[in-house]
């Protein structure tokens, strides 16, 4: 969303967002008490922020290791050609791969930075064959294996 059409958020909206980012199952009554609004007012604000795209999703954050995805890998990908069509194709391929948790189209030496979770290095090797070695537009990729998860989250300062 361009900055000129960004939704207008007041102090109440920002306080509601802070609470929802900590725990989106917080009852609206509890949120209302914390921000000095009625539960129906909180509900209307949450609905509006969802419709405007401020709230993008309500999801559960899962520990990857608890579901057998113990290895987190960061990958820088450099492509050969950066035509709009080829960049869009790469975006679609990366977005479709279940192993890719996050994908960013970036400036600098790399064109993309990926966050990947896999159960084993063998699974990562298979993924590299499919996504990188099997892609004629991938020039090179660089892998960084996470040794420890220090801070993980998608919270945005409000």
N, C-alpha and C. Protein backbone atom coordinates (compact mmCIF):
# COMPACT_ATOMS: atom_id res chain seq x y z
N UNK A 1 0.85 -1.17 0.00
CA UNK A 1 0.00 0.00 0.00
C UNK A 1 0.90 1.24 0.00
N UNK A 2 0.73 2.17 -0.96
CA UNK A 2 1.56 3.38 -1.01
C UNK A 2 1.36 4.23 0.23
N UNK A 3 2.41 4.96 0.65
CA UNK A 3 2.32 5.77 1.86
C UNK A 3 1.13 6.73 1.84
N UNK A 4 0.78 7.32 0.69
CA UNK A 4 -0.30 8.29 0.64
C UNK A 4 -1.66 7.67 0.97
N UNK A 5 -1.81 6.38 0.74
CA UNK A 5 -3.08 5.73 1.03
C UNK A 5 -3.01 4.84 2.27
N UNK A 6 -1.96 5.02 3.06
CA UNK A 6 -1.81 4.22 4.27
C UNK A 6 -2.96 4.52 5.23
N UNK A 7 -3.49 3.50 5.87
CA UNK A 7 -4.59 3.72 6.82
C UNK A 7 -4.15 4.65 7.96
N UNK A 8 -5.08 5.46 8.41
CA UNK A 8 -4.81 6.35 9.53
C UNK A 8 -5.07 5.59 10.82
N UNK A 9 -4.05 5.47 11.65
CA UNK A 9 -4.17 4.75 12.92
C UNK A 9 -4.04 5.75 14.06
N UNK A 10 -4.99 5.70 14.98
CA UNK A 10 -4.89 6.57 16.14
C UNK A 10 -4.25 5.81 17.30
N UNK A 11 -4.15 6.46 18.45
CA UNK A 11 -3.50 5.85 19.62
C UNK A 11 -4.23 4.59 20.07
N UNK A 12 -5.56 4.58 19.97
CA UNK A 12 -6.32 3.39 20.35
C UNK A 12 -5.96 2.22 19.44
N UNK A 13 -5.93 2.48 18.13
CA UNK A 13 -5.58 1.42 17.16
C UNK A 13 -4.20 0.85 17.47
N UNK A 14 -3.26 1.72 17.73
CA UNK A 14 -1.88 1.29 17.98
C UNK A 14 -1.79 0.46 19.26
N UNK A 15 -2.52 0.84 20.30
CA UNK A 15 -2.53 0.06 21.54
C UNK A 15 -3.17 -1.30 21.30
N UNK A 16 -4.24 -1.33 20.53
CA UNK A 16 -4.89 -2.61 20.20
C UNK A 16 -3.92 -3.51 19.45
N UNK A 17 -3.21 -2.93 18.49
CA UNK A 17 -2.23 -3.72 17.72
C UNK A 17 -1.12 -4.27 18.60
N UNK A 18 -0.65 -3.48 19.56
CA UNK A 18 0.39 -3.95 20.48
C UNK A 18 -0.09 -5.19 21.23
N UNK A 19 -1.33 -5.15 21.71
CA UNK A 19 -1.89 -6.29 22.46
C UNK A 19 -2.05 -7.50 21.55
N UNK A 20 -2.61 -7.29 20.35
CA UNK A 20 -2.84 -8.40 19.43
C UNK A 20 -1.53 -9.05 18.99
N UNK A 21 -0.46 -8.26 18.86
CA UNK A 21 0.82 -8.83 18.46
C UNK A 21 1.41 -9.72 19.55
N UNK A 22 1.08 -9.44 20.79
CA UNK A 22 1.55 -10.30 21.89
C UNK A 22 0.71 -11.57 21.96
N UNK A 23 -0.62 -11.41 21.78
CA UNK A 23 -1.54 -12.57 21.87
C UNK A 23 -2.84 -12.22 21.17
N UNK A 24 -3.01 -12.74 19.95
CA UNK A 24 -4.21 -12.38 19.19
C UNK A 24 -5.47 -13.12 19.67
N UNK A 25 -5.34 -13.92 20.73
CA UNK A 25 -6.53 -14.56 21.31
C UNK A 25 -7.05 -13.77 22.52
N UNK A 26 -6.44 -12.62 22.80
CA UNK A 26 -6.90 -11.80 23.92
C UNK A 26 -8.36 -11.40 23.69
N UNK A 27 -9.23 -11.66 24.65
CA UNK A 27 -10.64 -11.29 24.47
C UNK A 27 -10.79 -9.78 24.24
N UNK A 28 -11.74 -9.42 23.38
CA UNK A 28 -11.95 -8.01 23.07
C UNK A 28 -12.34 -7.21 24.30
N UNK A 29 -13.03 -7.83 25.23
CA UNK A 29 -13.39 -7.18 26.49
C UNK A 29 -12.12 -6.79 27.25
N UNK A 30 -11.14 -7.71 27.30
CA UNK A 30 -9.87 -7.46 27.98
C UNK A 30 -9.09 -6.34 27.28
N UNK A 31 -9.09 -6.38 25.95
CA UNK A 31 -8.42 -5.33 25.18
C UNK A 31 -9.09 -3.99 25.48
N UNK A 32 -10.41 -3.99 25.47
CA UNK A 32 -11.16 -2.77 25.74
C UNK A 32 -10.81 -2.18 27.10
N UNK A 33 -10.72 -3.03 28.11
CA UNK A 33 -10.36 -2.56 29.45
C UNK A 33 -8.96 -1.95 29.45
N UNK A 34 -8.04 -2.55 28.69
CA UNK A 34 -6.65 -2.08 28.66
C UNK A 34 -6.51 -0.75 27.93
N UNK A 35 -7.39 -0.50 26.96
CA UNK A 35 -7.25 0.72 26.16
C UNK A 35 -8.38 1.74 26.40
N UNK A 36 -9.26 1.42 27.35
CA UNK A 36 -10.39 2.30 27.70
C UNK A 36 -11.39 2.48 26.56
N UNK A 37 -11.76 1.36 25.94
CA UNK A 37 -12.82 1.33 24.93
C UNK A 37 -13.77 0.19 25.26
N UNK A 38 -14.97 0.24 24.71
CA UNK A 38 -15.90 -0.87 24.88
C UNK A 38 -15.48 -2.02 23.97
N UNK A 39 -15.92 -3.23 24.31
CA UNK A 39 -15.62 -4.39 23.48
C UNK A 39 -16.14 -4.21 22.05
N UNK A 40 -17.38 -3.69 21.85
CA UNK A 40 -17.84 -3.47 20.47
C UNK A 40 -16.97 -2.47 19.70
N UNK A 41 -16.46 -1.43 20.39
CA UNK A 41 -15.57 -0.47 19.72
C UNK A 41 -14.27 -1.15 19.31
N UNK A 42 -13.75 -2.01 20.17
CA UNK A 42 -12.54 -2.76 19.84
C UNK A 42 -12.81 -3.66 18.64
N UNK A 43 -13.94 -4.35 18.66
CA UNK A 43 -14.30 -5.24 17.55
C UNK A 43 -14.37 -4.47 16.23
N UNK A 44 -15.00 -3.29 16.23
CA UNK A 44 -15.11 -2.48 15.01
C UNK A 44 -13.73 -2.06 14.51
N UNK A 45 -12.87 -1.67 15.43
CA UNK A 45 -11.52 -1.25 15.04
C UNK A 45 -10.72 -2.41 14.46
N UNK A 46 -10.80 -3.58 15.09
CA UNK A 46 -10.09 -4.75 14.58
C UNK A 46 -10.61 -5.12 13.20
N UNK A 47 -11.92 -5.08 13.02
CA UNK A 47 -12.53 -5.39 11.72
C UNK A 47 -12.04 -4.41 10.66
N UNK A 48 -12.05 -3.10 10.98
CA UNK A 48 -11.58 -2.09 10.03
C UNK A 48 -10.11 -2.30 9.68
N UNK A 49 -9.27 -2.55 10.70
CA UNK A 49 -7.84 -2.73 10.43
C UNK A 49 -7.58 -3.99 9.62
N UNK A 50 -8.41 -5.01 9.79
CA UNK A 50 -8.29 -6.22 8.97
C UNK A 50 -8.69 -5.92 7.54
N UNK A 51 -9.80 -5.23 7.35
CA UNK A 51 -10.27 -4.89 6.01
C UNK A 51 -9.29 -3.98 5.28
N UNK A 52 -8.63 -3.09 6.01
CA UNK A 52 -7.66 -2.17 5.41
C UNK A 52 -6.30 -2.82 5.16
N UNK A 53 -6.10 -4.05 5.65
CA UNK A 53 -4.84 -4.75 5.44
C UNK A 53 -3.77 -4.45 6.47
N UNK A 54 -4.13 -3.69 7.52
CA UNK A 54 -3.17 -3.45 8.60
C UNK A 54 -2.90 -4.77 9.32
N UNK A 55 -3.96 -5.49 9.65
CA UNK A 55 -3.84 -6.84 10.22
C UNK A 55 -3.88 -7.79 9.04
N UNK A 56 -2.77 -8.45 8.78
CA UNK A 56 -2.64 -9.30 7.59
C UNK A 56 -3.10 -10.72 7.82
N UNK A 57 -2.95 -11.23 9.07
CA UNK A 57 -3.32 -12.62 9.34
C UNK A 57 -3.40 -12.84 10.84
N UNK A 58 -4.15 -13.84 11.22
CA UNK A 58 -4.19 -14.30 12.60
C UNK A 58 -3.69 -15.73 12.58
N UNK A 59 -2.47 -15.93 13.07
CA UNK A 59 -1.82 -17.23 12.93
C UNK A 59 -1.24 -17.71 14.25
N UNK A 60 -0.94 -19.00 14.30
CA UNK A 60 -0.22 -19.57 15.43
C UNK A 60 1.26 -19.60 15.07
N UNK A 61 2.11 -19.20 15.99
CA UNK A 61 3.56 -19.26 15.79
C UNK A 61 4.03 -20.58 16.37
N UNK A 62 4.60 -21.40 15.51
CA UNK A 62 4.98 -22.77 15.88
C UNK A 62 6.49 -22.89 15.98
N UNK A 63 6.96 -23.62 16.97
CA UNK A 63 8.38 -23.91 17.10
C UNK A 63 8.74 -24.93 16.01
N UNK A 64 9.60 -24.56 15.05
CA UNK A 64 9.94 -25.48 13.97
C UNK A 64 10.48 -26.83 14.46
N UNK A 65 11.29 -26.80 15.50
CA UNK A 65 11.86 -28.05 16.03
C UNK A 65 10.80 -28.99 16.56
N UNK A 66 9.72 -28.43 17.09
CA UNK A 66 8.65 -29.26 17.66
C UNK A 66 7.89 -30.04 16.58
N UNK A 67 8.00 -29.59 15.34
CA UNK A 67 7.31 -30.29 14.23
C UNK A 67 8.31 -30.89 13.25
N UNK A 68 9.53 -31.12 13.73
CA UNK A 68 10.54 -31.81 12.92
C UNK A 68 11.27 -30.96 11.90
N UNK A 69 11.16 -29.65 12.00
CA UNK A 69 11.87 -28.75 11.07
C UNK A 69 12.99 -28.05 11.85
N UNK A 70 13.97 -28.82 12.27
CA UNK A 70 14.96 -28.36 13.24
C UNK A 70 16.02 -27.42 12.69
N UNK A 71 16.17 -27.34 11.38
CA UNK A 71 17.26 -26.53 10.81
C UNK A 71 16.70 -25.29 10.13
N UNK A 72 17.21 -24.13 10.54
CA UNK A 72 16.84 -22.87 9.90
C UNK A 72 18.03 -22.42 9.08
N UNK A 73 17.76 -22.05 7.83
CA UNK A 73 18.82 -21.67 6.90
C UNK A 73 18.45 -20.35 6.24
N UNK A 74 19.44 -19.47 6.11
CA UNK A 74 19.27 -18.22 5.39
C UNK A 74 20.04 -18.37 4.08
N UNK A 75 19.41 -17.95 2.99
CA UNK A 75 20.04 -18.11 1.68
C UNK A 75 19.97 -16.80 0.91
N UNK A 76 21.12 -16.37 0.41
CA UNK A 76 21.16 -15.25 -0.53
C UNK A 76 21.17 -15.84 -1.93
N UNK A 77 20.29 -15.35 -2.77
CA UNK A 77 20.19 -15.85 -4.14
C UNK A 77 20.46 -14.71 -5.10
N UNK A 78 21.37 -14.94 -6.04
CA UNK A 78 21.66 -13.97 -7.08
C UNK A 78 21.18 -14.56 -8.40
N UNK A 79 20.40 -13.78 -9.15
CA UNK A 79 19.90 -14.27 -10.43
C UNK A 79 20.73 -13.71 -11.56
N UNK A 80 20.65 -14.34 -12.73
CA UNK A 80 21.40 -13.91 -13.91
C UNK A 80 20.73 -12.70 -14.54
N UNK A 81 19.45 -12.83 -14.82
CA UNK A 81 18.71 -11.77 -15.49
C UNK A 81 17.64 -11.22 -14.57
N UNK A 82 17.55 -9.89 -14.52
CA UNK A 82 16.57 -9.25 -13.64
C UNK A 82 15.44 -8.60 -14.43
N UNK A 83 15.03 -9.23 -15.53
CA UNK A 83 13.87 -8.68 -16.23
C UNK A 83 12.66 -8.84 -15.32
N UNK A 84 11.69 -7.98 -15.49
CA UNK A 84 10.49 -8.03 -14.65
C UNK A 84 9.84 -9.41 -14.69
N UNK A 85 9.77 -9.99 -15.85
CA UNK A 85 9.15 -11.32 -15.99
C UNK A 85 9.92 -12.39 -15.22
N UNK A 86 11.23 -12.37 -15.31
CA UNK A 86 12.03 -13.38 -14.60
C UNK A 86 12.02 -13.17 -13.09
N UNK A 87 12.01 -11.93 -12.65
CA UNK A 87 11.93 -11.67 -11.21
C UNK A 87 10.58 -12.15 -10.69
N UNK A 88 9.51 -11.86 -11.42
CA UNK A 88 8.17 -12.31 -11.00
C UNK A 88 8.10 -13.84 -10.96
N UNK A 89 8.74 -14.50 -11.93
CA UNK A 89 8.77 -15.96 -11.95
C UNK A 89 9.51 -16.49 -10.72
N UNK A 90 10.63 -15.88 -10.37
CA UNK A 90 11.39 -16.30 -9.18
C UNK A 90 10.54 -16.09 -7.93
N UNK A 91 9.86 -14.95 -7.83
CA UNK A 91 9.00 -14.68 -6.68
C UNK A 91 7.93 -15.76 -6.54
N UNK A 92 7.31 -16.14 -7.67
CA UNK A 92 6.27 -17.18 -7.62
C UNK A 92 6.84 -18.52 -7.17
N UNK A 93 8.00 -18.89 -7.70
CA UNK A 93 8.62 -20.17 -7.33
C UNK A 93 8.99 -20.20 -5.86
N UNK A 94 9.59 -19.13 -5.37
CA UNK A 94 9.97 -19.09 -3.96
C UNK A 94 8.74 -19.07 -3.05
N UNK A 95 7.73 -18.33 -3.43
CA UNK A 95 6.51 -18.26 -2.62
C UNK A 95 5.80 -19.61 -2.56
N UNK A 96 5.93 -20.42 -3.59
CA UNK A 96 5.24 -21.71 -3.65
C UNK A 96 5.96 -22.81 -2.88
N UNK A 97 7.22 -22.62 -2.52
CA UNK A 97 7.99 -23.66 -1.82
C UNK A 97 7.64 -23.65 -0.34
N UNK A 98 7.08 -24.74 0.15
CA UNK A 98 6.65 -24.83 1.55
C UNK A 98 7.82 -24.64 2.52
N UNK A 99 9.00 -25.03 2.12
CA UNK A 99 10.17 -24.93 3.00
C UNK A 99 10.61 -23.48 3.23
N UNK A 100 10.23 -22.60 2.31
CA UNK A 100 10.63 -21.19 2.43
C UNK A 100 9.63 -20.48 3.33
N UNK A 101 10.11 -20.10 4.49
CA UNK A 101 9.27 -19.44 5.49
C UNK A 101 9.10 -17.96 5.16
N UNK A 102 10.17 -17.33 4.67
CA UNK A 102 10.13 -15.92 4.31
C UNK A 102 10.98 -15.72 3.06
N UNK A 103 10.57 -14.76 2.24
CA UNK A 103 11.31 -14.43 1.02
C UNK A 103 11.29 -12.93 0.85
N UNK A 104 12.46 -12.35 0.62
CA UNK A 104 12.58 -10.92 0.42
C UNK A 104 13.31 -10.65 -0.89
N UNK A 105 12.79 -9.76 -1.70
CA UNK A 105 13.45 -9.25 -2.89
C UNK A 105 14.22 -8.03 -2.42
N UNK A 106 15.56 -8.05 -2.54
CA UNK A 106 16.40 -7.06 -1.87
C UNK A 106 17.34 -6.34 -2.85
N UNK A 107 17.94 -5.27 -2.34
CA UNK A 107 18.99 -4.57 -3.08
C UNK A 107 20.34 -5.12 -2.62
N UNK A 108 21.38 -4.80 -3.37
CA UNK A 108 22.72 -5.24 -2.99
C UNK A 108 23.20 -6.36 -3.90
N UNK A 109 24.19 -7.11 -3.44
CA UNK A 109 24.76 -8.19 -4.25
C UNK A 109 23.75 -9.29 -4.53
N UNK A 110 22.98 -9.66 -3.53
CA UNK A 110 21.97 -10.70 -3.71
C UNK A 110 20.69 -10.05 -4.23
N UNK A 111 19.88 -10.85 -4.90
CA UNK A 111 18.58 -10.38 -5.37
C UNK A 111 17.46 -10.80 -4.43
N UNK A 112 17.66 -11.94 -3.78
CA UNK A 112 16.67 -12.46 -2.84
C UNK A 112 17.37 -12.94 -1.58
N UNK A 113 16.69 -12.80 -0.45
CA UNK A 113 17.12 -13.44 0.79
C UNK A 113 15.96 -14.31 1.24
N UNK A 114 16.27 -15.57 1.50
CA UNK A 114 15.26 -16.55 1.89
C UNK A 114 15.52 -17.04 3.30
N UNK A 115 14.45 -17.31 4.04
CA UNK A 115 14.53 -17.98 5.32
C UNK A 115 13.85 -19.32 5.11
N UNK A 116 14.61 -20.38 5.35
CA UNK A 116 14.15 -21.73 5.05
C UNK A 116 14.19 -22.59 6.31
N UNK A 117 13.18 -23.44 6.49
CA UNK A 117 13.22 -24.43 7.57
C UNK A 117 13.10 -25.82 6.95
N UNK A 118 13.98 -26.72 7.40
CA UNK A 118 14.00 -28.09 6.90
C UNK A 118 14.33 -29.06 8.03
N UNK A 119 13.95 -30.32 7.86
CA UNK A 119 14.27 -31.30 8.91
C UNK A 119 15.74 -31.72 8.94
N UNK A 120 16.40 -31.67 7.77
CA UNK A 120 17.78 -32.17 7.72
C UNK A 120 18.54 -31.49 6.59
N UNK A 121 19.85 -31.62 6.62
CA UNK A 121 20.66 -31.07 5.53
C UNK A 121 20.40 -31.81 4.23
N UNK A 122 20.05 -33.07 4.31
CA UNK A 122 19.70 -33.83 3.09
C UNK A 122 18.47 -33.21 2.43
N UNK A 123 17.50 -32.79 3.26
CA UNK A 123 16.31 -32.14 2.72
C UNK A 123 16.68 -30.79 2.09
N UNK A 124 17.61 -30.08 2.71
CA UNK A 124 18.04 -28.81 2.14
C UNK A 124 18.75 -29.04 0.81
N UNK A 125 19.58 -30.07 0.76
CA UNK A 125 20.28 -30.38 -0.50
C UNK A 125 19.27 -30.67 -1.61
N UNK A 126 18.24 -31.43 -1.30
CA UNK A 126 17.20 -31.72 -2.30
C UNK A 126 16.50 -30.43 -2.74
N UNK A 127 16.26 -29.54 -1.80
CA UNK A 127 15.63 -28.26 -2.12
C UNK A 127 16.52 -27.43 -3.04
N UNK A 128 17.84 -27.41 -2.77
CA UNK A 128 18.75 -26.64 -3.62
C UNK A 128 18.77 -27.19 -5.04
N UNK A 129 18.68 -28.50 -5.16
CA UNK A 129 18.65 -29.09 -6.51
C UNK A 129 17.39 -28.64 -7.25
N UNK A 130 16.28 -28.60 -6.55
CA UNK A 130 15.01 -28.24 -7.16
C UNK A 130 14.93 -26.74 -7.48
N UNK A 131 15.28 -25.90 -6.49
CA UNK A 131 15.07 -24.46 -6.66
C UNK A 131 16.23 -23.71 -7.30
N UNK A 132 17.45 -24.14 -7.04
CA UNK A 132 18.59 -23.37 -7.50
C UNK A 132 19.32 -24.02 -8.68
N UNK A 133 19.75 -25.27 -8.51
CA UNK A 133 20.47 -25.93 -9.60
C UNK A 133 19.55 -26.21 -10.79
N UNK A 134 18.27 -26.40 -10.51
CA UNK A 134 17.31 -26.66 -11.59
C UNK A 134 16.74 -25.41 -12.21
N UNK A 135 17.25 -24.24 -11.81
CA UNK A 135 16.72 -22.97 -12.32
C UNK A 135 17.80 -22.29 -13.15
N UNK A 136 17.54 -22.14 -14.44
CA UNK A 136 18.54 -21.55 -15.34
C UNK A 136 18.83 -20.08 -15.05
N UNK A 137 17.99 -19.43 -14.27
CA UNK A 137 18.22 -18.02 -13.99
C UNK A 137 18.95 -17.78 -12.66
N UNK A 138 19.25 -18.81 -11.90
CA UNK A 138 19.99 -18.63 -10.66
C UNK A 138 21.48 -18.65 -10.97
N UNK A 139 22.13 -17.53 -10.69
CA UNK A 139 23.57 -17.40 -10.95
C UNK A 139 24.36 -18.08 -9.84
N UNK A 140 24.01 -17.75 -8.59
CA UNK A 140 24.67 -18.36 -7.43
C UNK A 140 23.79 -18.17 -6.21
N UNK A 141 24.09 -18.97 -5.19
CA UNK A 141 23.40 -18.81 -3.92
C UNK A 141 24.39 -19.08 -2.80
N UNK A 142 24.16 -18.43 -1.69
CA UNK A 142 25.02 -18.55 -0.52
C UNK A 142 24.16 -18.95 0.67
N UNK A 143 24.63 -19.95 1.41
CA UNK A 143 23.87 -20.52 2.51
C UNK A 143 24.49 -20.18 3.85
N UNK A 144 23.61 -19.82 4.81
CA UNK A 144 24.02 -19.57 6.19
C UNK A 144 23.12 -20.42 7.07
N UNK A 145 23.69 -21.34 7.82
CA UNK A 145 22.91 -22.20 8.70
C UNK A 145 22.86 -21.57 10.09
N UNK A 146 21.66 -21.40 10.63
CA UNK A 146 21.50 -20.82 11.96
C UNK A 146 21.96 -21.82 13.01
N UNK A 147 22.78 -21.37 13.92
CA UNK A 147 23.24 -22.22 15.01
C UNK A 147 22.32 -22.14 16.21
N UNK A 148 21.63 -20.99 16.38
CA UNK A 148 20.73 -20.81 17.51
C UNK A 148 19.70 -19.75 17.13
N UNK A 149 18.49 -19.90 17.62
CA UNK A 149 17.43 -18.92 17.38
C UNK A 149 17.39 -17.97 18.59
N UNK A 150 17.89 -16.77 18.42
CA UNK A 150 17.99 -15.82 19.51
C UNK A 150 16.68 -15.02 19.66
N UNK A 151 16.20 -14.49 18.56
CA UNK A 151 14.94 -13.74 18.55
C UNK A 151 14.24 -14.02 17.24
N UNK A 152 13.00 -14.42 17.32
CA UNK A 152 12.22 -14.70 16.13
C UNK A 152 10.84 -14.07 16.33
N UNK A 153 10.38 -13.38 15.32
CA UNK A 153 9.05 -12.79 15.42
C UNK A 153 8.74 -11.92 14.25
N UNK A 154 7.50 -11.51 14.18
CA UNK A 154 7.07 -10.60 13.13
C UNK A 154 6.42 -9.35 13.72
N UNK A 155 6.61 -9.12 15.00
CA UNK A 155 6.03 -7.94 15.63
C UNK A 155 6.58 -6.67 15.00
N UNK A 156 5.70 -5.69 14.83
CA UNK A 156 6.07 -4.40 14.25
C UNK A 156 5.86 -3.35 15.32
N UNK A 157 6.87 -2.49 15.58
CA UNK A 157 6.65 -1.43 16.56
C UNK A 157 5.50 -0.54 16.10
N UNK A 158 4.59 -0.26 17.02
CA UNK A 158 3.43 0.55 16.66
C UNK A 158 3.59 1.93 17.22
